[in-house]
């Protein structure tokens, strides 16, 4: 089952190095960050892979022992990825 993440808090400490924190969490959680081509450039910068819905579903399918984090700008894109994930055997 694909789980939706809550939105981030509105306040972030400006002294925090977000890229370093994301890298640390990525290693600790064995995370794979996927971002749709339509996602904001800041999100694309931290992604392991960029792609369209089909490419992202394939990357998620092929991820072994990784927490997959998907960034997509619209609910419709997420619905397509969810559908393709089921078709490709990614989801449970």
PDB file of N, CA and C in Angstrom:
ATOM      1  N   UNK A   1       0.844  -1.168   0.000  1.00  0.00           N
ATOM      2  CA  UNK A   1       0.000   0.000   0.000  1.00  0.00           C
ATOM      3  C   UNK A   1       0.894   1.237   0.000  1.00  0.00           C
ATOM      4  N   UNK A   2       0.523   2.222  -0.792  1.00  0.00           N
ATOM      5  CA  UNK A   2       1.300   3.450  -0.883  1.00  0.00           C
ATOM      6  C   UNK A   2       0.769   4.424   0.154  1.00  0.00           C
ATOM      7  N   UNK A   3       1.661   4.902   1.003  1.00  0.00           N
ATOM      8  CA  UNK A   3       1.293   5.759   2.125  1.00  0.00           C
ATOM      9  C   UNK A   3       1.539   7.216   1.770  1.00  0.00           C
ATOM     10  N   UNK A   4       0.626   8.070   2.128  1.00  0.00           N
ATOM     11  CA  UNK A   4       0.767   9.510   1.899  1.00  0.00           C
ATOM     12  C   UNK A   4       1.433  10.143   3.115  1.00  0.00           C
ATOM     13  N   UNK A   5       2.369  11.041   2.856  1.00  0.00           N
ATOM     14  CA  UNK A   5       3.077  11.722   3.925  1.00  0.00           C
ATOM     15  C   UNK A   5       2.364  13.029   4.270  1.00  0.00           C
ATOM     16  N   UNK A   6       2.395  13.429   5.539  1.00  0.00           N
ATOM     17  CA  UNK A   6       1.804  14.723   5.910  1.00  0.00           C
ATOM     18  C   UNK A   6       2.658  15.865   5.367  1.00  0.00           C
ATOM     19  N   UNK A   7       2.076  17.035   5.281  1.00  0.00           N
ATOM     20  CA  UNK A   7       2.833  18.187   4.814  1.00  0.00           C
ATOM     21  C   UNK A   7       3.817  18.637   5.888  1.00  0.00           C
ATOM     22  N   UNK A   8       4.840  19.342   5.476  1.00  0.00           N
ATOM     23  CA  UNK A   8       5.881  19.813   6.395  1.00  0.00           C
ATOM     24  C   UNK A   8       5.353  20.972   7.239  1.00  0.00           C
ATOM     25  N   UNK A   9       5.942  21.153   8.414  1.00  0.00           N
ATOM     26  CA  UNK A   9       5.546  22.308   9.225  1.00  0.00           C
ATOM     27  C   UNK A   9       5.853  23.604   8.484  1.00  0.00           C
ATOM     28  N   UNK A  10       5.104  24.643   8.774  1.00  0.00           N
ATOM     29  CA  UNK A  10       5.282  25.903   8.054  1.00  0.00           C
ATOM     30  C   UNK A  10       6.547  26.644   8.477  1.00  0.00           C
ATOM     31  N   UNK A  11       7.100  26.337   9.666  1.00  0.00           N
ATOM     32  CA  UNK A  11       8.308  27.008  10.119  1.00  0.00           C
ATOM     33  C   UNK A  11       9.489  26.048  10.075  1.00  0.00           C
ATOM     34  N   UNK A  12      10.548  26.481   9.425  1.00  0.00           N
ATOM     35  CA  UNK A  12      11.787  25.708   9.389  1.00  0.00           C
ATOM     36  C   UNK A  12      12.902  26.628   9.852  1.00  0.00           C
ATOM     37  N   UNK A  13      13.707  26.142  10.775  1.00  0.00           N
ATOM     38  CA  UNK A  13      14.834  26.917  11.297  1.00  0.00           C
ATOM     39  C   UNK A  13      15.752  27.309  10.137  1.00  0.00           C
ATOM     40  N   UNK A  14      15.951  28.609   9.883  1.00  0.00           N
ATOM     41  CA  UNK A  14      16.774  29.048   8.750  1.00  0.00           C
ATOM     42  C   UNK A  14      18.246  28.648   8.856  1.00  0.00           C
ATOM     43  N   UNK A  15      18.706  28.312  10.044  1.00  0.00           N
ATOM     44  CA  UNK A  15      20.112  27.907  10.188  1.00  0.00           C
ATOM     45  C   UNK A  15      20.312  26.426   9.855  1.00  0.00           C
ATOM     46  N   UNK A  16      19.242  25.708   9.661  1.00  0.00           N
ATOM     47  CA  UNK A  16      19.314  24.273   9.383  1.00  0.00           C
ATOM     48  C   UNK A  16      19.740  24.033   7.930  1.00  0.00           C
ATOM     49  N   UNK A  17      20.729  23.175   7.729  1.00  0.00           N
ATOM     50  CA  UNK A  17      21.156  22.796   6.384  1.00  0.00           C
ATOM     51  C   UNK A  17      20.245  21.661   5.917  1.00  0.00           C
ATOM     52  N   UNK A  18      19.210  22.024   5.184  1.00  0.00           N
ATOM     53  CA  UNK A  18      18.203  21.040   4.786  1.00  0.00           C
ATOM     54  C   UNK A  18      18.773  19.938   3.903  1.00  0.00           C
ATOM     55  N   UNK A  19      19.697  20.281   3.007  1.00  0.00           N
ATOM     56  CA  UNK A  19      20.285  19.261   2.137  1.00  0.00           C
ATOM     57  C   UNK A  19      21.064  18.220   2.945  1.00  0.00           C
ATOM     58  N   UNK A  20      21.803  18.682   3.949  1.00  0.00           N
ATOM     59  CA  UNK A  20      22.551  17.755   4.809  1.00  0.00           C
ATOM     60  C   UNK A  20      21.596  16.891   5.631  1.00  0.00           C
ATOM     61  N   UNK A  21      20.535  17.502   6.149  1.00  0.00           N
ATOM     62  CA  UNK A  21      19.547  16.746   6.931  1.00  0.00           C
ATOM     63  C   UNK A  21      18.841  15.705   6.077  1.00  0.00           C
ATOM     64  N   UNK A  22      18.494  16.072   4.864  1.00  0.00           N
ATOM     65  CA  UNK A  22      17.840  15.125   3.953  1.00  0.00           C
ATOM     66  C   UNK A  22      18.791  13.982   3.621  1.00  0.00           C
ATOM     67  N   UNK A  23      20.052  14.287   3.351  1.00  0.00           N
ATOM     68  CA  UNK A  23      21.039  13.241   3.042  1.00  0.00           C
ATOM     69  C   UNK A  23      21.207  12.287   4.228  1.00  0.00           C
ATOM     70  N   UNK A  24      21.238  12.842   5.447  1.00  0.00           N
ATOM     71  CA  UNK A  24      21.381  12.011   6.641  1.00  0.00           C
ATOM     72  C   UNK A  24      20.166  11.093   6.808  1.00  0.00           C
ATOM     73  N   UNK A  25      18.979  11.646   6.643  1.00  0.00           N
ATOM     74  CA  UNK A  25      17.764  10.841   6.760  1.00  0.00           C
ATOM     75  C   UNK A  25      17.659   9.806   5.641  1.00  0.00           C
ATOM     76  N   UNK A  26      18.073  10.185   4.434  1.00  0.00           N
ATOM     77  CA  UNK A  26      18.044   9.257   3.294  1.00  0.00           C
ATOM     78  C   UNK A  26      18.884   8.022   3.610  1.00  0.00           C
ATOM     79  N   UNK A  27      20.066   8.239   4.166  1.00  0.00           N
ATOM     80  CA  UNK A  27      20.937   7.096   4.514  1.00  0.00           C
ATOM     81  C   UNK A  27      20.339   6.279   5.658  1.00  0.00           C
ATOM     82  N   UNK A  28      19.877   6.957   6.691  1.00  0.00           N
ATOM     83  CA  UNK A  28      19.351   6.267   7.870  1.00  0.00           C
ATOM     84  C   UNK A  28      18.110   5.440   7.541  1.00  0.00           C
ATOM     85  N   UNK A  29      17.262   5.950   6.670  1.00  0.00           N
ATOM     86  CA  UNK A  29      16.002   5.276   6.329  1.00  0.00           C
ATOM     87  C   UNK A  29      16.124   4.396   5.086  1.00  0.00           C
ATOM     88  N   UNK A  30      17.321   4.412   4.464  1.00  0.00           N
ATOM     89  CA  UNK A  30      17.510   3.697   3.186  1.00  0.00           C
ATOM     90  C   UNK A  30      16.421   4.117   2.201  1.00  0.00           C
ATOM     91  N   UNK A  31      16.269   5.430   2.057  1.00  0.00           N
ATOM     92  CA  UNK A  31      15.194   5.991   1.250  1.00  0.00           C
ATOM     93  C   UNK A  31      15.633   6.220  -0.194  1.00  0.00           C
ATOM     94  N   UNK A  32      14.672   6.089  -1.075  1.00  0.00           N
ATOM     95  CA  UNK A  32      14.838   6.384  -2.494  1.00  0.00           C
ATOM     96  C   UNK A  32      13.848   7.503  -2.803  1.00  0.00           C
ATOM     97  N   UNK A  33      14.346   8.652  -3.222  1.00  0.00           N
ATOM     98  CA  UNK A  33      13.487   9.804  -3.474  1.00  0.00           C
ATOM     99  C   UNK A  33      13.239   9.918  -4.972  1.00  0.00           C
ATOM    100  N   UNK A  34      11.962   9.861  -5.338  1.00  0.00           N
ATOM    101  CA  UNK A  34      11.540   9.952  -6.729  1.00  0.00           C
ATOM    102  C   UNK A  34      10.742  11.233  -6.909  1.00  0.00           C
ATOM    103  N   UNK A  35      10.980  11.941  -8.010  1.00  0.00           N
ATOM    104  CA  UNK A  35      10.253  13.182  -8.260  1.00  0.00           C
ATOM    105  C   UNK A  35       9.778  13.222  -9.706  1.00  0.00           C
ATOM    106  N   UNK A  36       8.562  13.671  -9.888  1.00  0.00           N
ATOM    107  CA  UNK A  36       7.993  13.844 -11.216  1.00  0.00           C
ATOM    108  C   UNK A  36       8.665  15.040 -11.885  1.00  0.00           C
ATOM    109  N   UNK A  37       8.757  14.989 -13.217  1.00  0.00           N
ATOM    110  CA  UNK A  37       9.339  16.106 -13.963  1.00  0.00           C
ATOM    111  C   UNK A  37       8.663  17.436 -13.661  1.00  0.00           C
ATOM    112  N   UNK A  38       7.382  17.410 -13.312  1.00  0.00           N
ATOM    113  CA  UNK A  38       6.641  18.638 -13.057  1.00  0.00           C
ATOM    114  C   UNK A  38       6.868  19.191 -11.656  1.00  0.00           C
ATOM    115  N   UNK A  39       7.620  18.496 -10.841  1.00  0.00           N
ATOM    116  CA  UNK A  39       7.843  18.935  -9.460  1.00  0.00           C
ATOM    117  C   UNK A  39       8.739  20.173  -9.446  1.00  0.00           C
ATOM    118  N   UNK A  40       8.666  20.930  -8.350  1.00  0.00           N
ATOM    119  CA  UNK A  40       9.487  22.131  -8.191  1.00  0.00           C
ATOM    120  C   UNK A  40      10.977  21.799  -8.305  1.00  0.00           C
ATOM    121  N   UNK A  41      11.776  22.717  -8.832  1.00  0.00           N
ATOM    122  CA  UNK A  41      13.215  22.474  -8.977  1.00  0.00           C
ATOM    123  C   UNK A  41      13.925  22.106  -7.673  1.00  0.00           C
ATOM    124  N   UNK A  42      13.522  22.681  -6.553  1.00  0.00           N
ATOM    125  CA  UNK A  42      14.157  22.345  -5.270  1.00  0.00           C
ATOM    126  C   UNK A  42      13.960  20.873  -4.932  1.00  0.00           C
ATOM    127  N   UNK A  43      12.790  20.336  -5.233  1.00  0.00           N
ATOM    128  CA  UNK A  43      12.535  18.919  -4.994  1.00  0.00           C
ATOM    129  C   UNK A  43      13.336  18.075  -5.995  1.00  0.00           C
ATOM    130  N   UNK A  44      13.391  18.507  -7.237  1.00  0.00           N
ATOM    131  CA  UNK A  44      14.177  17.777  -8.238  1.00  0.00           C
ATOM    132  C   UNK A  44      15.644  17.685  -7.826  1.00  0.00           C
ATOM    133  N   UNK A  45      16.145  18.729  -7.184  1.00  0.00           N
ATOM    134  CA  UNK A  45      17.548  18.738  -6.756  1.00  0.00           C
ATOM    135  C   UNK A  45      17.873  17.644  -5.743  1.00  0.00           C
ATOM    136  N   UNK A  46      16.917  17.273  -4.909  1.00  0.00           N
ATOM    137  CA  UNK A  46      17.200  16.254  -3.892  1.00  0.00           C
ATOM    138  C   UNK A  46      16.812  14.852  -4.340  1.00  0.00           C
ATOM    139  N   UNK A  47      16.139  14.743  -5.479  1.00  0.00           N
ATOM    140  CA  UNK A  47      15.648  13.438  -5.936  1.00  0.00           C
ATOM    141  C   UNK A  47      16.778  12.547  -6.431  1.00  0.00           C
ATOM    142  N   UNK A  48      16.617  11.257  -6.179  1.00  0.00           N
ATOM    143  CA  UNK A  48      17.536  10.271  -6.746  1.00  0.00           C
ATOM    144  C   UNK A  48      17.233  10.038  -8.218  1.00  0.00           C
ATOM    145  N   UNK A  49      15.935  10.130  -8.560  1.00  0.00           N
ATOM    146  CA  UNK A  49      15.504   9.909  -9.944  1.00  0.00           C
ATOM    147  C   UNK A  49      14.369  10.856 -10.283  1.00  0.00           C
ATOM    148  N   UNK A  50      14.412  11.392 -11.512  1.00  0.00           N
ATOM    149  CA  UNK A  50      13.326  12.193 -12.067  1.00  0.00           C
ATOM    150  C   UNK A  50      12.691  11.390 -13.188  1.00  0.00           C
ATOM    151  N   UNK A  51      11.397  11.589 -13.391  1.00  0.00           N
ATOM    152  CA  UNK A  51      10.770  10.898 -14.498  1.00  0.00           C
ATOM    153  C   UNK A  51       9.299  11.194 -14.604  1.00  0.00           C
ATOM    154  N   UNK A  52       8.696  10.577 -15.627  1.00  0.00           N
ATOM    155  CA  UNK A  52       7.247  10.659 -15.758  1.00  0.00           C
ATOM    156  C   UNK A  52       6.636   9.577 -14.878  1.00  0.00           C
ATOM    157  N   UNK A  53       5.323   9.472 -14.872  1.00  0.00           N
ATOM    158  CA  UNK A  53       4.646   8.552 -13.971  1.00  0.00           C
ATOM    159  C   UNK A  53       5.072   7.105 -14.181  1.00  0.00           C
ATOM    160  N   UNK A  54       5.191   6.686 -15.423  1.00  0.00           N
ATOM    161  CA  UNK A  54       5.580   5.301 -15.694  1.00  0.00           C
ATOM    162  C   UNK A  54       7.003   5.030 -15.220  1.00  0.00           C
ATOM    163  N   UNK A  55       7.921   5.941 -15.517  1.00  0.00           N
ATOM    164  CA  UNK A  55       9.315   5.765 -15.089  1.00  0.00           C
ATOM    165  C   UNK A  55       9.418   5.687 -13.571  1.00  0.00           C
ATOM    166  N   UNK A  56       8.680   6.540 -12.870  1.00  0.00           N
ATOM    167  CA  UNK A  56       8.731   6.529 -11.411  1.00  0.00           C
ATOM    168  C   UNK A  56       8.148   5.241 -10.842  1.00  0.00           C
ATOM    169  N   UNK A  57       7.085   4.746 -11.455  1.00  0.00           N
ATOM    170  CA  UNK A  57       6.504   3.475 -11.000  1.00  0.00           C
ATOM    171  C   UNK A  57       7.499   2.339 -11.190  1.00  0.00           C
ATOM    172  N   UNK A  58       8.221   2.339 -12.303  1.00  0.00           N
ATOM    173  CA  UNK A  58       9.238   1.298 -12.543  1.00  0.00           C
ATOM    174  C   UNK A  58      10.378   1.404 -11.535  1.00  0.00           C
ATOM    175  N   UNK A  59      10.816   2.627 -11.250  1.00  0.00           N
ATOM    176  CA  UNK A  59      11.890   2.816 -10.264  1.00  0.00           C
ATOM    177  C   UNK A  59      11.446   2.320  -8.889  1.00  0.00           C
ATOM    178  N   UNK A  60      10.203   2.628  -8.527  1.00  0.00           N
ATOM    179  CA  UNK A  60       9.680   2.167  -7.240  1.00  0.00           C
ATOM    180  C   UNK A  60       9.605   0.640  -7.216  1.00  0.00           C
ATOM    181  N   UNK A  61       9.169   0.043  -8.320  1.00  0.00           N
ATOM    182  CA  UNK A  61       9.072  -1.412  -8.401  1.00  0.00           C
ATOM    183  C   UNK A  61      10.435  -2.065  -8.201  1.00  0.00           C
ATOM    184  N   UNK A  62      11.454  -1.471  -8.767  1.00  0.00           N
ATOM    185  CA  UNK A  62      12.792  -2.058  -8.744  1.00  0.00           C
ATOM    186  C   UNK A  62      13.575  -1.748  -7.472  1.00  0.00           C
ATOM    187  N   UNK A  63      13.039  -0.897  -6.626  1.00  0.00           N
ATOM    188  CA  UNK A  63      13.726  -0.535  -5.373  1.00  0.00           C
ATOM    189  C   UNK A  63      13.715  -1.737  -4.435  1.00  0.00           C
ATOM    190  N   UNK A  64      14.878  -2.152  -4.016  1.00  0.00           N
ATOM    191  CA  UNK A  64      15.008  -3.284  -3.099  1.00  0.00           C
ATOM    192  C   UNK A  64      15.379  -2.753  -1.718  1.00  0.00           C
ATOM    193  N   UNK A  65      14.605  -3.149  -0.720  1.00  0.00           N
ATOM    194  CA  UNK A  65      14.879  -2.764   0.670  1.00  0.00           C
ATOM    195  C   UNK A  65      15.039  -1.260   0.847  1.00  0.00           C
ATOM    196  N   UNK A  66      14.203  -0.487   0.172  1.00  0.00           N
ATOM    197  CA  UNK A  66      14.274   0.970   0.292  1.00  0.00           C
ATOM    198  C   UNK A  66      12.898   1.520   0.603  1.00  0.00           C
ATOM    199  N   UNK A  67      12.876   2.587   1.383  1.00  0.00           N
ATOM    200  CA  UNK A  67      11.658   3.351   1.587  1.00  0.00           C
ATOM    201  C   UNK A  67      11.544   4.284   0.389  1.00  0.00           C
ATOM    202  N   UNK A  68      10.474   4.163  -0.365  1.00  0.00           N
ATOM    203  CA  UNK A  68      10.291   5.001  -1.550  1.00  0.00           C
ATOM    204  C   UNK A  68       9.491   6.240  -1.162  1.00  0.00           C
ATOM    205  N   UNK A  69      10.048   7.396  -1.507  1.00  0.00           N
ATOM    206  CA  UNK A  69       9.393   8.674  -1.262  1.00  0.00           C
ATOM    207  C   UNK A  69       9.109   9.290  -2.621  1.00  0.00           C
ATOM    208  N   UNK A  70       7.848   9.544  -2.903  1.00  0.00           N
ATOM    209  CA  UNK A  70       7.434  10.071  -4.201  1.00  0.00           C
ATOM    210  C   UNK A  70       6.936  11.498  -4.055  1.00  0.00           C
ATOM    211  N   UNK A  71       7.475  12.393  -4.887  1.00  0.00           N
ATOM    212  CA  UNK A  71       7.002  13.772  -4.959  1.00  0.00           C
ATOM    213  C   UNK A  71       6.335  13.963  -6.310  1.00  0.00           C
ATOM    214  N   UNK A  72       5.072  14.317  -6.280  1.00  0.00           N
ATOM    215  CA  UNK A  72       4.315  14.597  -7.490  1.00  0.00           C
ATOM    216  C   UNK A  72       3.470  15.833  -7.217  1.00  0.00           C
ATOM    217  N   UNK A  73       3.373  16.758  -8.168  1.00  0.00           N
ATOM    218  CA  UNK A  73       2.726  18.036  -7.892  1.00  0.00           C
ATOM    219  C   UNK A  73       1.204  18.010  -7.827  1.00  0.00           C
ATOM    220  N   UNK A  74       0.577  16.981  -8.369  1.00  0.00           N
ATOM    221  CA  UNK A  74      -0.881  16.969  -8.431  1.00  0.00           C
ATOM    222  C   UNK A  74      -1.424  15.607  -8.018  1.00  0.00           C
ATOM    223  N   UNK A  75      -2.596  15.617  -7.437  1.00  0.00           N
ATOM    224  CA  UNK A  75      -3.248  14.369  -7.039  1.00  0.00           C
ATOM    225  C   UNK A  75      -3.465  13.460  -8.239  1.00  0.00           C
ATOM    226  N   UNK A  76      -3.749  14.033  -9.402  1.00  0.00           N
ATOM    227  CA  UNK A  76      -3.969  13.209 -10.602  1.00  0.00           C
ATOM    228  C   UNK A  76      -2.711  12.422 -10.957  1.00  0.00           C
ATOM    229  N   UNK A  77      -1.546  13.047 -10.827  1.00  0.00           N
ATOM    230  CA  UNK A  77      -0.301  12.326 -11.108  1.00  0.00           C
ATOM    231  C   UNK A  77      -0.103  11.190 -10.113  1.00  0.00           C
ATOM    232  N   UNK A  78      -0.396  11.467  -8.836  1.00  0.00           N
ATOM    233  CA  UNK A  78      -0.242  10.425  -7.820  1.00  0.00           C
ATOM    234  C   UNK A  78      -1.192   9.269  -8.099  1.00  0.00           C
ATOM    235  N   UNK A  79      -2.404   9.576  -8.573  1.00  0.00           N
ATOM    236  CA  UNK A  79      -3.356   8.516  -8.892  1.00  0.00           C
ATOM    237  C   UNK A  79      -2.831   7.656 -10.037  1.00  0.00           C
ATOM    238  N   UNK A  80      -2.220   8.278 -11.034  1.00  0.00           N
ATOM    239  CA  UNK A  80      -1.648   7.521 -12.156  1.00  0.00           C
ATOM    240  C   UNK A  80      -0.507   6.639 -11.663  1.00  0.00           C
ATOM    241  N   UNK A  81       0.361   7.192 -10.821  1.00  0.00           N
ATOM    242  CA  UNK A  81       1.474   6.403 -10.287  1.00  0.00           C
ATOM    243  C   UNK A  81       0.939   5.250  -9.444  1.00  0.00           C
ATOM    244  N   UNK A  82      -0.070   5.516  -8.617  1.00  0.00           N
ATOM    245  CA  UNK A  82      -0.669   4.444  -7.818  1.00  0.00           C
ATOM    246  C   UNK A  82      -1.197   3.334  -8.719  1.00  0.00           C
ATOM    247  N   UNK A  83      -1.918   3.732  -9.776  1.00  0.00           N
ATOM    248  CA  UNK A  83      -2.494   2.757 -10.702  1.00  0.00           C
ATOM    249  C   UNK A  83      -1.385   1.937 -11.378  1.00  0.00           C
ATOM    250  N   UNK A  84      -0.343   2.617 -11.854  1.00  0.00           N
ATOM    251  CA  UNK A  84       0.750   1.907 -12.521  1.00  0.00           C
ATOM    252  C   UNK A  84       1.502   1.024 -11.541  1.00  0.00           C
ATOM    253  N   UNK A  85       1.618   1.470 -10.306  1.00  0.00           N
ATOM    254  CA  UNK A  85       2.305   0.663  -9.304  1.00  0.00           C
ATOM    255  C   UNK A  85       1.572  -0.660  -9.104  1.00  0.00           C
ATOM    256  N   UNK A  86       0.250  -0.608  -9.063  1.00  0.00           N
ATOM    257  CA  UNK A  86      -0.529  -1.828  -8.929  1.00  0.00           C
ATOM    258  C   UNK A  86      -0.316  -2.714 -10.155  1.00  0.00           C
ATOM    259  N   UNK A  87      -0.388  -2.127 -11.348  1.00  0.00           N
ATOM    260  CA  UNK A  87      -0.212  -2.886 -12.589  1.00  0.00           C
ATOM    261  C   UNK A  87       1.173  -3.522 -12.664  1.00  0.00           C
ATOM    262  N   UNK A  88       2.188  -2.815 -12.158  1.00  0.00           N
ATOM    263  CA  UNK A  88       3.561  -3.313 -12.233  1.00  0.00           C
ATOM    264  C   UNK A  88       3.921  -4.185 -11.032  1.00  0.00           C
ATOM    265  N   UNK A  89       2.998  -4.347 -10.097  1.00  0.00           N
ATOM    266  CA  UNK A  89       3.273  -5.178  -8.927  1.00  0.00           C
ATOM    267  C   UNK A  89       4.092  -4.471  -7.869  1.00  0.00           C
ATOM    268  N   UNK A  90       4.043  -3.141  -7.841  1.00  0.00           N
ATOM    269  CA  UNK A  90       4.811  -2.382  -6.844  1.00  0.00           C
ATOM    270  C   UNK A  90       4.090  -2.352  -5.517  1.00  0.00           C
ATOM    271  N   UNK A  91       2.778  -2.149  -5.529  1.00  0.00           N
ATOM    272  CA  UNK A  91       2.032  -2.036  -4.280  1.00  0.00           C
ATOM    273  C   UNK A  91       1.571  -3.402  -3.829  1.00  0.00           C
ATOM    274  N   UNK A  92       1.128  -3.455  -2.566  1.00  0.00           N
ATOM    275  CA  UNK A  92       0.688  -4.713  -1.995  1.00  0.00           C
ATOM    276  C   UNK A  92      -0.774  -4.955  -2.300  1.00  0.00           C
TER     277      UNK A  92
END
